[in-house]
Structures are given as C-alpha cells and as structure tokens.
C-alpha atoms as a PDB file:
ATOM      1  CA  MET A   1      86.635  94.408  68.301  1.00  0.00           C
ATOM      2  CA  ILE A   2      89.431  97.280  69.233  1.00  0.00           C
ATOM      3  CA  GLY A   3      88.815 100.745  68.194  1.00  0.00           C
ATOM      4  CA  LYS A   4      91.422 102.382  65.995  1.00  0.00           C
ATOM      5  CA  ARG A   5      93.599 105.027  68.024  1.00  0.00           C
ATOM      6  CA  ARG A   6      93.750 108.591  67.213  1.00  0.00           C
ATOM      7  CA  LYS A   7      96.329 111.199  68.855  1.00  0.00           C
ATOM      8  CA  THR A   8      95.674 114.542  69.766  1.00  0.00           C
ATOM      9  CA  ARG A   9      98.312 117.739  69.052  1.00  0.00           C
ATOM     10  CA  ASP A  10      99.442 116.997  72.699  1.00  0.00           C
ATOM     11  CA  SER A  11     100.172 113.616  72.032  1.00  0.00           C
ATOM     12  CA  ILE A  12      97.177 112.080  74.283  1.00  0.00           C
ATOM     13  CA  ASP A  13      95.506 108.847  72.659  1.00  0.00           C
ATOM     14  CA  LEU A  14      91.690 108.875  71.784  1.00  0.00           C
ATOM     15  CA  TYR A  15      90.201 105.928  72.058  1.00  0.00           C
ATOM     16  CA  SER A  16      86.567 104.711  70.507  1.00  0.00           C
ATOM     17  CA  PRO A  17      83.285 104.237  72.295  1.00  0.00           C
ATOM     18  CA  GLU A  18      84.143 100.679  71.672  1.00  0.00           C
ATOM     19  CA  ASP A  19      86.702 100.447  74.349  1.00  0.00           C
ATOM     20  CA  HIS A  20      85.102 101.725  77.285  1.00  0.00           C
ATOM     21  CA  ALA A  21      83.778  98.063  77.425  1.00  0.00           C
ATOM     22  CA  GLY A  22      87.910  96.814  78.018  1.00  0.00           C
ATOM     23  CA  MET A  23      88.193  99.588  80.462  1.00  0.00           C
ATOM     24  CA  HIS A  24      85.269  98.803  82.398  1.00  0.00           C
ATOM     25  CA  LYS A  25      86.805  95.452  82.601  1.00  0.00           C
ATOM     26  CA  ALA A  26      89.650  95.636  84.332  1.00  0.00           C
ATOM     27  CA  GLY A  27      88.437  98.531  86.408  1.00  0.00           C
ATOM     28  CA  ALA A  28      85.428  96.420  87.463  1.00  0.00           C
ATOM     29  CA  LEU A  29      88.383  93.588  88.520  1.00  0.00           C
ATOM     30  CA  ALA A  30      90.570  96.685  90.146  1.00  0.00           C
ATOM     31  CA  SER A  31      88.044  97.774  91.900  1.00  0.00           C
ATOM     32  CA  GLN A  32      86.578  94.721  93.118  1.00  0.00           C
ATOM     33  CA  ILE A  33      90.021  94.084  94.410  1.00  0.00           C
ATOM     34  CA  LEU A  34      89.622  96.443  96.439  1.00  0.00           C
ATOM     35  CA  ASP A  35      86.351  95.804  98.015  1.00  0.00           C
ATOM     36  CA  ASP A  36      87.861  92.237  98.872  1.00  0.00           C
ATOM     37  CA  ILE A  37      90.438  93.749 100.722  1.00  0.00           C
ATOM     38  CA  ALA A  38      88.482  95.736 103.015  1.00  0.00           C
ATOM     39  CA  GLU A  39      88.000  93.224 105.857  1.00  0.00           C
ATOM     40  CA  HIS A  40      91.505  91.987 105.574  1.00  0.00           C
ATOM     41  CA  VAL A  41      92.233  95.623 106.959  1.00  0.00           C
ATOM     42  CA  PHE A  42      92.589  95.680 110.710  1.00  0.00           C
ATOM     43  CA  PRO A  43      94.715  96.917 113.854  1.00  0.00           C
ATOM     44  CA  GLY A  44      97.854  93.583 113.337  1.00  0.00           C
ATOM     45  CA  GLN A  45      97.437  92.759 110.139  1.00  0.00           C
ATOM     46  CA  THR A  46     100.124  93.387 107.998  1.00  0.00           C
ATOM     47  CA  THR A  47     100.841  95.372 104.754  1.00  0.00           C
ATOM     48  CA  LYS A  48     102.820  92.261 103.327  1.00  0.00           C
ATOM     49  CA  GLU A  49      99.916  89.738 104.091  1.00  0.00           C
ATOM     50  CA  LEU A  50      97.312  92.602 102.430  1.00  0.00           C
ATOM     51  CA  ASP A  51      99.722  92.184  99.128  1.00  0.00           C
ATOM     52  CA  ARG A  52      99.803  88.825  99.526  1.00  0.00           C
ATOM     53  CA  LEU A  53      95.732  88.693  99.384  1.00  0.00           C
ATOM     54  CA  ILE A  54      95.786  91.233  96.494  1.00  0.00           C
ATOM     55  CA  GLU A  55      98.213  89.055  94.272  1.00  0.00           C
ATOM     56  CA  ALA A  56      96.681  85.971  94.963  1.00  0.00           C
ATOM     57  CA  GLN A  57      93.305  87.446  93.552  1.00  0.00           C
ATOM     58  CA  VAL A  58      94.876  88.696  90.563  1.00  0.00           C
ATOM     59  CA  ASP A  59      96.083  85.429  89.595  1.00  0.00           C
ATOM     60  CA  ALA A  60      92.871  83.328  90.415  1.00  0.00           C
ATOM     61  CA  ALA A  61      90.941  85.848  88.179  1.00  0.00           C
ATOM     62  CA  GLY A  62      93.670  84.960  85.273  1.00  0.00           C
ATOM     63  CA  ALA A  63      94.506  89.083  85.322  1.00  0.00           C
ATOM     64  CA  THR A  64      98.309  90.242  85.231  1.00  0.00           C
ATOM     65  CA  SER A  65      99.575  92.990  87.925  1.00  0.00           C
ATOM     66  CA  ALA A  66     100.983  96.048  86.444  1.00  0.00           C
ATOM     67  CA  THR A  67     103.185  97.005  88.832  1.00  0.00           C
ATOM     68  CA  ILE A  68     104.800  93.507  89.273  1.00  0.00           C
ATOM     69  CA  GLY A  69     108.293  93.966  87.207  1.00  0.00           C
ATOM     70  CA  TYR A  70     107.152  97.663  86.494  1.00  0.00           C
ATOM     71  CA  ARG A  71     111.218  99.541  87.165  1.00  0.00           C
ATOM     72  CA  GLY A  72     111.947  96.543  89.061  1.00  0.00           C
ATOM     73  CA  TYR A  73     108.801  96.657  91.755  1.00  0.00           C
ATOM     74  CA  GLU A  74     108.212  93.577  93.024  1.00  0.00           C
ATOM     75  CA  HIS A  75     104.901  93.666  94.540  1.00  0.00           C
ATOM     76  CA  ALA A  76     101.100  93.936  93.107  1.00  0.00           C
ATOM     77  CA  SER A  77     100.170  96.992  95.185  1.00  0.00           C
ATOM     78  CA  CYS A  78     101.512 100.439  96.669  1.00  0.00           C
ATOM     79  CA  ILE A  79     100.132 100.547 100.409  1.00  0.00           C
ATOM     80  CA  SER A  80     100.827 104.031 101.859  1.00  0.00           C
ATOM     81  CA  VAL A  81     100.177 104.448 105.335  1.00  0.00           C
ATOM     82  CA  ASN A  82      99.661 107.826 107.374  1.00  0.00           C
ATOM     83  CA  HIS A  83     101.815 110.087 106.224  1.00  0.00           C
ATOM     84  CA  VAL A  84     103.447 108.219 102.805  1.00  0.00           C
ATOM     85  CA  VAL A  85     102.110 109.774  99.694  1.00  0.00           C
ATOM     86  CA  CYS A  86     102.342 107.036  97.804  1.00  0.00           C
ATOM     87  CA  HIS A  87     104.292 104.063  96.469  1.00  0.00           C
ATOM     88  CA  GLY A  88     104.438 102.428 100.220  1.00  0.00           C
ATOM     89  CA  ILE A  89     106.124  99.162  99.281  1.00  0.00           C
ATOM     90  CA  PRO A  90     104.129  96.522 101.030  1.00  0.00           C
ATOM     91  CA  GLY A  91     105.965  94.464 103.843  1.00  0.00           C
ATOM     92  CA  SER A  92     108.430  97.606 104.806  1.00  0.00           C
ATOM     93  CA  PRO A  93     109.014  99.380 107.733  1.00  0.00           C
ATOM     94  CA  ILE A  94     106.379 101.728 108.307  1.00  0.00           C
ATOM     95  CA  PRO A  95     107.593 104.931 109.026  1.00  0.00           C
ATOM     96  CA  LYS A  96     107.012 106.814 111.792  1.00  0.00           C
ATOM     97  CA  TRP A  97     104.834 110.581 111.592  1.00  0.00           C
ATOM     98  CA  ASN A  98     104.753 113.242 113.753  1.00  0.00           C
ATOM     99  CA  LYS A  99     102.609 111.899 116.317  1.00  0.00           C
ATOM    100  CA  GLU A 100     104.606 109.009 117.081  1.00  0.00           C
ATOM    101  CA  THR A 101     107.991 110.653 117.103  1.00  0.00           C
ATOM    102  CA  SER A 102     110.004 113.730 117.407  1.00  0.00           C
ATOM    103  CA  ALA A 103     110.182 115.936 113.797  1.00  0.00           C
ATOM    104  CA  ARG A 104     113.982 116.535 114.173  1.00  0.00           C
ATOM    105  CA  LYS A 105     114.580 112.335 113.782  1.00  0.00           C
ATOM    106  CA  GLU A 106     115.301 111.677 110.079  1.00  0.00           C
ATOM    107  CA  ASP A 107     112.589 109.103 108.504  1.00  0.00           C
ATOM    108  CA  PRO A 108     112.698 106.708 112.036  1.00  0.00           C
ATOM    109  CA  MET A 109     110.709 103.567 111.316  1.00  0.00           C
ATOM    110  CA  ARG A 110     108.394 101.120 113.239  1.00  0.00           C
ATOM    111  CA  ASP A 111     109.923  97.966 113.837  1.00  0.00           C
ATOM    112  CA  ASP A 112     107.577  95.631 111.000  1.00  0.00           C
ATOM    113  CA  ASP A 113     104.973  96.466 108.867  1.00  0.00           C
ATOM    114  CA  LYS A 114     102.095  95.815 111.045  1.00  0.00           C
ATOM    115  CA  LEU A 115      98.961  98.306 110.821  1.00  0.00           C
ATOM    116  CA  ARG A 116      98.233  99.877 114.152  1.00  0.00           C
ATOM    117  CA  ASP A 117      94.850 101.198 115.644  1.00  0.00           C
ATOM    118  CA  GLY A 118      93.758 104.251 113.598  1.00  0.00           C
ATOM    119  CA  ASP A 119      96.361 103.762 111.057  1.00  0.00           C
ATOM    120  CA  ILE A 120      94.895 105.512 108.038  1.00  0.00           C
ATOM    121  CA  LEU A 121      96.323 103.937 104.700  1.00  0.00           C
ATOM    122  CA  ASN A 122      95.967 103.986 100.662  1.00  0.00           C
ATOM    123  CA  ILE A 123      96.104 100.766  98.684  1.00  0.00           C
ATOM    124  CA  ASP A 124      96.564 101.164  95.113  1.00  0.00           C
ATOM    125  CA  VAL A 125      95.767  98.324  92.278  1.00  0.00           C
ATOM    126  CA  THR A 126      96.644  98.150  88.931  1.00  0.00           C
ATOM    127  CA  VAL A 127      95.618  95.482  87.154  1.00  0.00           C
ATOM    128  CA  VAL A 128      95.919  94.105  83.098  1.00  0.00           C
ATOM    129  CA  VAL A 129      92.692  92.172  81.704  1.00  0.00           C
ATOM    130  CA  ASP A 130      92.723  91.653  78.131  1.00  0.00           C
ATOM    131  CA  GLY A 131      95.641  94.724  77.047  1.00  0.00           C
ATOM    132  CA  TRP A 132      93.522  96.936  79.203  1.00  0.00           C
ATOM    133  CA  TYR A 133      94.778  98.718  82.639  1.00  0.00           C
ATOM    134  CA  GLY A 134      92.689  99.113  85.504  1.00  0.00           C
ATOM    135  CA  ASP A 135      94.304 101.805  87.843  1.00  0.00           C
ATOM    136  CA  THR A 136      92.478 102.481  91.156  1.00  0.00           C
ATOM    137  CA  SER A 137      93.219 103.470  94.748  1.00  0.00           C
ATOM    138  CA  ARG A 138      91.410 104.357  97.524  1.00  0.00           C
ATOM    139  CA  MET A 139      91.359 104.874 101.152  1.00  0.00           C
ATOM    140  CA  TYR A 140      90.757 102.256 104.221  1.00  0.00           C
ATOM    141  CA  VAL A 141      91.260 102.511 108.720  1.00  0.00           C
ATOM    142  CA  ALA A 142      92.819  99.948 110.753  1.00  0.00           C
ATOM    143  CA  GLY A 143      90.460 100.104 113.692  1.00  0.00           C
ATOM    144  CA  LYS A 144      89.090 103.418 114.732  1.00  0.00           C
ATOM    145  CA  PRO A 145      89.993 106.850 112.800  1.00  0.00           C
ATOM    146  CA  LYS A 146      90.816 109.877 114.788  1.00  0.00           C
ATOM    147  CA  GLY A 147      88.393 112.862 114.148  1.00  0.00           C
ATOM    148  CA  PHE A 148      91.296 114.811 111.841  1.00  0.00           C
ATOM    149  CA  ALA A 149      92.327 111.736 110.000  1.00  0.00           C
ATOM    150  CA  LYS A 150      88.344 111.417 109.192  1.00  0.00           C
ATOM    151  CA  LYS A 151      88.283 114.783 108.042  1.00  0.00           C
ATOM    152  CA  LEU A 152      91.339 114.317 105.790  1.00  0.00           C
ATOM    153  CA  ILE A 153      89.572 111.395 104.133  1.00  0.00           C
ATOM    154  CA  GLN A 154      86.186 112.843 103.243  1.00  0.00           C
ATOM    155  CA  VAL A 155      88.263 115.998 102.277  1.00  0.00           C
ATOM    156  CA  THR A 156      90.252 113.887  99.982  1.00  0.00           C
ATOM    157  CA  HIS A 157      87.257 112.438  98.801  1.00  0.00           C
ATOM    158  CA  ASP A 158      85.058 114.924  98.003  1.00  0.00           C
ATOM    159  CA  ALA A 159      88.029 116.752  96.134  1.00  0.00           C
ATOM    160  CA  LEU A 160      88.159 113.825  93.881  1.00  0.00           C
ATOM    161  CA  MET A 161      84.636 113.921  92.807  1.00  0.00           C
ATOM    162  CA  PHE A 162      84.551 117.850  92.006  1.00  0.00           C
ATOM    163  CA  GLY A 163      87.141 117.036  89.731  1.00  0.00           C
ATOM    164  CA  ILE A 164      85.627 113.965  87.883  1.00  0.00           C
ATOM    165  CA  ASP A 165      82.571 116.634  88.102  1.00  0.00           C
ATOM    166  CA  ALA A 166      85.216 118.883  85.645  1.00  0.00           C
ATOM    167  CA  VAL A 167      85.489 116.598  83.223  1.00  0.00           C
ATOM    168  CA  LYS A 168      83.403 116.836  79.980  1.00  0.00           C
ATOM    169  CA  PRO A 169      84.608 117.624  76.517  1.00  0.00           C
ATOM    170  CA  GLY A 170      85.260 121.406  75.734  1.00  0.00           C
ATOM    171  CA  ASN A 171      86.301 121.743  79.231  1.00  0.00           C
ATOM    172  CA  THR A 172      90.417 122.109  80.499  1.00  0.00           C
ATOM    173  CA  PHE A 173      92.711 119.786  82.491  1.00  0.00           C
ATOM    174  CA  GLY A 174      93.055 122.987  84.244  1.00  0.00           C
ATOM    175  CA  ASP A 175      90.121 123.158  85.406  1.00  0.00           C
ATOM    176  CA  ILE A 176      90.059 119.591  86.533  1.00  0.00           C
ATOM    177  CA  GLY A 177      93.112 121.116  88.629  1.00  0.00           C
ATOM    178  CA  ASN A 178      91.531 123.787  89.528  1.00  0.00           C
ATOM    179  CA  ALA A 179      88.257 122.029  91.008  1.00  0.00           C
ATOM    180  CA  ILE A 180      90.443 119.811  93.195  1.00  0.00           C
ATOM    181  CA  GLN A 181      92.626 122.851  94.721  1.00  0.00           C
ATOM    182  CA  THR A 182      90.296 125.181  95.218  1.00  0.00           C
ATOM    183  CA  TYR A 183      88.079 122.975  97.256  1.00  0.00           C
ATOM    184  CA  ALA A 184      90.804 121.232  99.056  1.00  0.00           C
ATOM    185  CA  GLU A 185      92.570 124.603 100.209  1.00  0.00           C
ATOM    186  CA  ARG A 186      88.790 125.448 101.032  1.00  0.00           C
ATOM    187  CA  GLN A 187      89.332 123.039 103.666  1.00  0.00           C
ATOM    188  CA  ARG A 188      92.706 123.956 104.758  1.00  0.00           C
ATOM    189  CA  MET A 189      94.198 121.214 103.102  1.00  0.00           C
ATOM    190  CA  SER A 190      97.190 121.232 100.646  1.00  0.00           C
ATOM    191  CA  VAL A 191      97.123 119.461  97.459  1.00  0.00           C
ATOM    192  CA  VAL A 192     100.775 117.869  96.554  1.00  0.00           C
ATOM    193  CA  ARG A 193     102.504 118.745  93.427  1.00  0.00           C
ATOM    194  CA  ASP A 194     105.337 116.256  93.061  1.00  0.00           C
ATOM    195  CA  PHE A 195     102.704 113.566  92.126  1.00  0.00           C
ATOM    196  CA  CYS A 196     100.097 113.711  88.802  1.00  0.00           C
ATOM    197  CA  GLY A 197      97.097 111.300  87.245  1.00  0.00           C
ATOM    198  CA  HIS A 198      98.174 110.181  83.924  1.00  0.00           C
ATOM    199  CA  GLY A 199      96.718 108.257  80.640  1.00  0.00           C
ATOM    200  CA  LEU A 200      96.154 105.207  80.088  1.00  0.00           C
ATOM    201  CA  GLY A 201      94.126 102.585  78.375  1.00  0.00           C
ATOM    202  CA  ARG A 202      96.180 100.180  76.379  1.00  0.00           C
ATOM    203  CA  VAL A 203      99.602 100.839  78.178  1.00  0.00           C
ATOM    204  CA  PHE A 204     100.433 101.913  81.859  1.00  0.00           C
ATOM    205  CA  HIS A 205     101.541 105.462  81.503  1.00  0.00           C
ATOM    206  CA  SER A 206     100.991 107.892  78.880  1.00  0.00           C
ATOM    207  CA  PRO A 207     100.131 111.847  78.482  1.00  0.00           C
ATOM    208  CA  PRO A 208      98.620 113.617  79.754  1.00  0.00           C
ATOM    209  CA  ASN A 209     100.404 114.629  83.417  1.00  0.00           C
ATOM    210  CA  VAL A 210      96.913 115.083  85.085  1.00  0.00           C
ATOM    211  CA  LEU A 211      97.714 118.105  87.904  1.00  0.00           C
ATOM    212  CA  HIS A 212      95.485 118.334  90.781  1.00  0.00           C
ATOM    213  CA  TYR A 213      95.997 122.080  91.081  1.00  0.00           C
ATOM    214  CA  GLY A 214      96.174 124.732  88.388  1.00  0.00           C
ATOM    215  CA  ARG A 215      94.180 127.431  86.817  1.00  0.00           C
ATOM    216  CA  ALA A 216      90.687 127.360  85.175  1.00  0.00           C
ATOM    217  CA  GLY A 217      91.072 127.076  81.066  1.00  0.00           C
ATOM    218  CA  SER A 218      94.967 126.198  81.148  1.00  0.00           C
ATOM    219  CA  GLY A 219      96.039 123.184  80.076  1.00  0.00           C
ATOM    220  CA  PRO A 220      94.993 120.346  77.097  1.00  0.00           C
ATOM    221  CA  VAL A 221      91.374 120.584  76.338  1.00  0.00           C
ATOM    222  CA  LEU A 222      89.108 117.624  77.004  1.00  0.00           C
ATOM    223  CA  GLU A 223      88.122 115.450  74.172  1.00  0.00           C
ATOM    224  CA  GLU A 224      85.681 112.578  73.897  1.00  0.00           C
ATOM    225  CA  GLY A 225      88.116 109.678  73.858  1.00  0.00           C
ATOM    226  CA  MET A 226      90.884 110.519  76.436  1.00  0.00           C
ATOM    227  CA  PHE A 227      91.378 108.121  79.115  1.00  0.00           C
ATOM    228  CA  PHE A 228      93.326 109.113  82.436  1.00  0.00           C
ATOM    229  CA  THR A 229      93.255 108.795  86.205  1.00  0.00           C
ATOM    230  CA  ILE A 230      92.591 111.366  88.685  1.00  0.00           C
ATOM    231  CA  GLU A 231      94.184 111.069  92.206  1.00  0.00           C
ATOM    232  CA  PRO A 232      94.684 113.675  94.221  1.00  0.00           C
ATOM    233  CA  MET A 233      97.260 113.403  97.583  1.00  0.00           C
ATOM    234  CA  LEU A 234      95.848 116.196 100.366  1.00  0.00           C
ATOM    235  CA  ASN A 235      98.066 116.634 102.992  1.00  0.00           C
ATOM    236  CA  MET A 236      96.965 118.211 106.514  1.00  0.00           C
ATOM    237  CA  GLY A 237     100.179 120.107 106.576  1.00  0.00           C
ATOM    238  CA  ARG A 238     102.310 121.608 103.568  1.00  0.00           C
ATOM    239  CA  PRO A 239     102.730 119.807  99.863  1.00  0.00           C
ATOM    240  CA  GLU A 240     106.029 119.330  99.938  1.00  0.00           C
ATOM    241  CA  THR A 241     107.026 115.734  99.998  1.00  0.00           C
ATOM    242  CA  LYS A 242     110.776 113.657  99.861  1.00  0.00           C
ATOM    243  CA  VAL A 243     111.669 109.762  98.526  1.00  0.00           C
ATOM    244  CA  LEU A 244     112.938 107.680 100.844  1.00  0.00           C
ATOM    245  CA  ALA A 245     115.896 106.099 100.054  1.00  0.00           C
ATOM    246  CA  ASP A 246     114.321 102.768  98.919  1.00  0.00           C
ATOM    247  CA  ASP A 247     113.486 105.349  95.899  1.00  0.00           C
ATOM    248  CA  TRP A 248     110.249 104.577  95.785  1.00  0.00           C
ATOM    249  CA  THR A 249     108.347 105.213  99.508  1.00  0.00           C
ATOM    250  CA  ALA A 250     107.271 109.333  99.443  1.00  0.00           C
ATOM    251  CA  VAL A 251     106.719 110.910 102.555  1.00  0.00           C
ATOM    252  CA  THR A 252     105.361 114.488 103.472  1.00  0.00           C
ATOM    253  CA  ARG A 253     108.019 116.694 104.186  1.00  0.00           C
ATOM    254  CA  ASP A 254     106.511 118.015 107.504  1.00  0.00           C
ATOM    255  CA  LYS A 255     105.283 114.325 108.332  1.00  0.00           C
ATOM    256  CA  SER A 256     101.615 115.558 108.672  1.00  0.00           C
ATOM    257  CA  LEU A 257      98.905 112.841 107.419  1.00  0.00           C
ATOM    258  CA  SER A 258      98.014 112.225 103.827  1.00  0.00           C
ATOM    259  CA  ALA A 259      95.367 110.687 101.982  1.00  0.00           C
ATOM    260  CA  GLN A 260      94.455 109.977  98.191  1.00  0.00           C
ATOM    261  CA  PHE A 261      91.740 108.066  96.295  1.00  0.00           C
ATOM    262  CA  GLU A 262      91.618 106.673  92.514  1.00  0.00           C
ATOM    263  CA  HIS A 263      89.945 106.925  89.804  1.00  0.00           C
ATOM    264  CA  SER A 264      90.126 106.074  85.860  1.00  0.00           C
ATOM    265  CA  VAL A 265      87.573 107.890  84.036  1.00  0.00           C
ATOM    266  CA  GLY A 266      87.240 108.067  80.172  1.00  0.00           C
ATOM    267  CA  VAL A 267      85.885 111.585  78.855  1.00  0.00           C
ATOM    268  CA  THR A 268      82.308 110.458  76.721  1.00  0.00           C
ATOM    269  CA  ALA A 269      80.420 112.953  74.455  1.00  0.00           C
ATOM    270  CA  ASP A 270      78.976 114.370  76.950  1.00  0.00           C
ATOM    271  CA  GLY A 271      80.514 114.228  80.327  1.00  0.00           C
ATOM    272  CA  VAL A 272      82.751 111.354  81.920  1.00  0.00           C
ATOM    273  CA  ASP A 273      82.578 107.547  82.483  1.00  0.00           C
ATOM    274  CA  ILE A 274      84.176 105.911  85.675  1.00  0.00           C
ATOM    275  CA  PHE A 275      85.309 102.906  84.941  1.00  0.00           C
ATOM    276  CA  THR A 276      86.626 101.958  89.071  1.00  0.00           C
ATOM    277  CA  LEU A 277      83.083 102.269  90.660  1.00  0.00           C
ATOM    278  CA  SER A 278      82.772  99.271  93.456  1.00  0.00           C
ATOM    279  CA  LYS A 279      79.831  97.197  93.114  1.00  0.00           C
ATOM    280  CA  GLY A 280      79.805  96.642  96.638  1.00  0.00           C
ATOM    281  CA  GLY A 281      79.402 100.228  97.576  1.00  0.00           C
ATOM    282  CA  LEU A 282      82.716  99.780  99.651  1.00  0.00           C
ATOM    283  CA  TYR A 283      84.369 102.700  97.458  1.00  0.00           C
ATOM    284  CA  HIS A 284      84.567 105.248 100.851  1.00  0.00           C
ATOM    285  CA  PRO A 285      85.390 103.857 104.072  1.00  0.00           C
ATOM    286  CA  THR A 286      82.096 104.050 106.374  1.00  0.00           C
ATOM    287  CA  TRP A 287      82.111 105.503 109.578  1.00  0.00           C
ATOM    288  CA  LYS A 288      80.174 103.787 112.054  1.00  0.00           C
END
C-alpha cells in the first residue's frame, strides 16, 4: 500500500517508509540495465545500438522508459561522450573535443556515433515500475582510458559519495552541494552549475533542485521521507556549458572532458537510503 504523501513548506514531497520498497524496485531495474550494458561498451560500438539494447531490456522487464516521449525526446537513454556534459542523444554524431580538433572550430562533429578507443561516456537511464521512477547514471570507458580521464571519473564518483554522506535529517541541501564542490575543487576539477539533481518518486521531476555546489547550512533542511537524485557533473576545465542546436546536447564551452554519476536516494530517520546501487558491483569502471 502506498503511503500518503505530505509536503514541506518548500513544496518538497515527503514519502512514507513503506514507499521505499517501490523506489528500490524501480532503482534496481535501472541499475541492472546499466550493469548489463557494460559488456556492450567497446570501441566501434554505436550509441544507437547501446540505446536499442537498453530499450529492449526496459520492454522485457514490463517497465516503461521515462524519457521516451518526455518533451519530445525519442530515446530510452541519454549517452554523453567525452565533453558532452549531459543529454547526449543516442545515434547522433559525437561532437569532437579539444584533443581531436582546434577549439576555434564551432562544434565540429565526427562522421558517426561510433565509440573510439579511450572515449569516456555517461549513460543515463530512468524507468517507471509500478508508478515509481528509478533514475541513475554512471560512467563507462570504450577500450583503455587515458590517465587524466581515469582521474576525472574517479573524482566525480567520489564527489557523489561525499554528497550522499551529507544526507541525513537536520542537514541542508547546501551541505550536499558544499561537500561535492569542496572535494571537486580540491582535486582541481570544476562543478557544472547549469544542471542539477531533482526530486522524484511518483513523478519524474519535482522540487527540490539539488545543486552540486553551495554554502554549508544553506537551503531547505533535509527531512525524513524526501526522495531526490544527486548527480554531479565535473569538468576538467571550466564549469561553463552550452546547449547545441539540437536543443538537448549540453557540452563544455572549452571542450574539456566532463563526467557524471547519479544515484536516487531517500532520507531516512537517521541517514540515507540509496535506491540505485549496483548488485553486480559495476557502478564504477574497474581499472585493469
């Protein structure tokens, strides 16, 4: 039975302890899909094929893709390669970044959507299971990553976990953002300001906006029953982004590499519940 929701003075939904089961079910499917796609990420693979495999798994599970049809979007995932910060469209030509072409050229593209050796990519999936939304993303590498790309991925993952560590009743959303920003900037990475996490549960996006930077002690106070995503995007260069002509794909303005990890979480009576953990332990790339 679904618990009755309340709202805070900031219009943030408060769910009941019983609602965690639905979020775990949706989160587990989203995470399993990303576990299973890992073996299909390799040089020569296309982002279109990765999305096809993801959509097929959503359908096989009897679930619904939250992104297909969302504001006209046509795909079951977002796949963001190299300096694409977020909302990369599967099947579209991959934008070139500053190791491939002069930064003076305006948004040059590769000839196709094939991954190359050393490419890093974020795959973001949201599914709906019994009315609950499971939203998660993680980083992958096609072939062998460069050392600087490995560091970016590691720092981004660790920044997310520092943010999650700040989730408990009585702390604030500013504490989450400050934990992420402080760690990232100590590692000489920048935090993207143009995109943020969000509330979810029985809806895809709802208050609050979960910023990945900010001042400790600021923002709404965390309360038991809040469900939201934390999804920091870190750049190796400056934090500024721009959206390409397709009105979806966001890239770093300076064409520096970008990385992102995302979990869906809930505030419990004494801490945090992560809904999108990887059962296979594949949430972070394994360096060999």
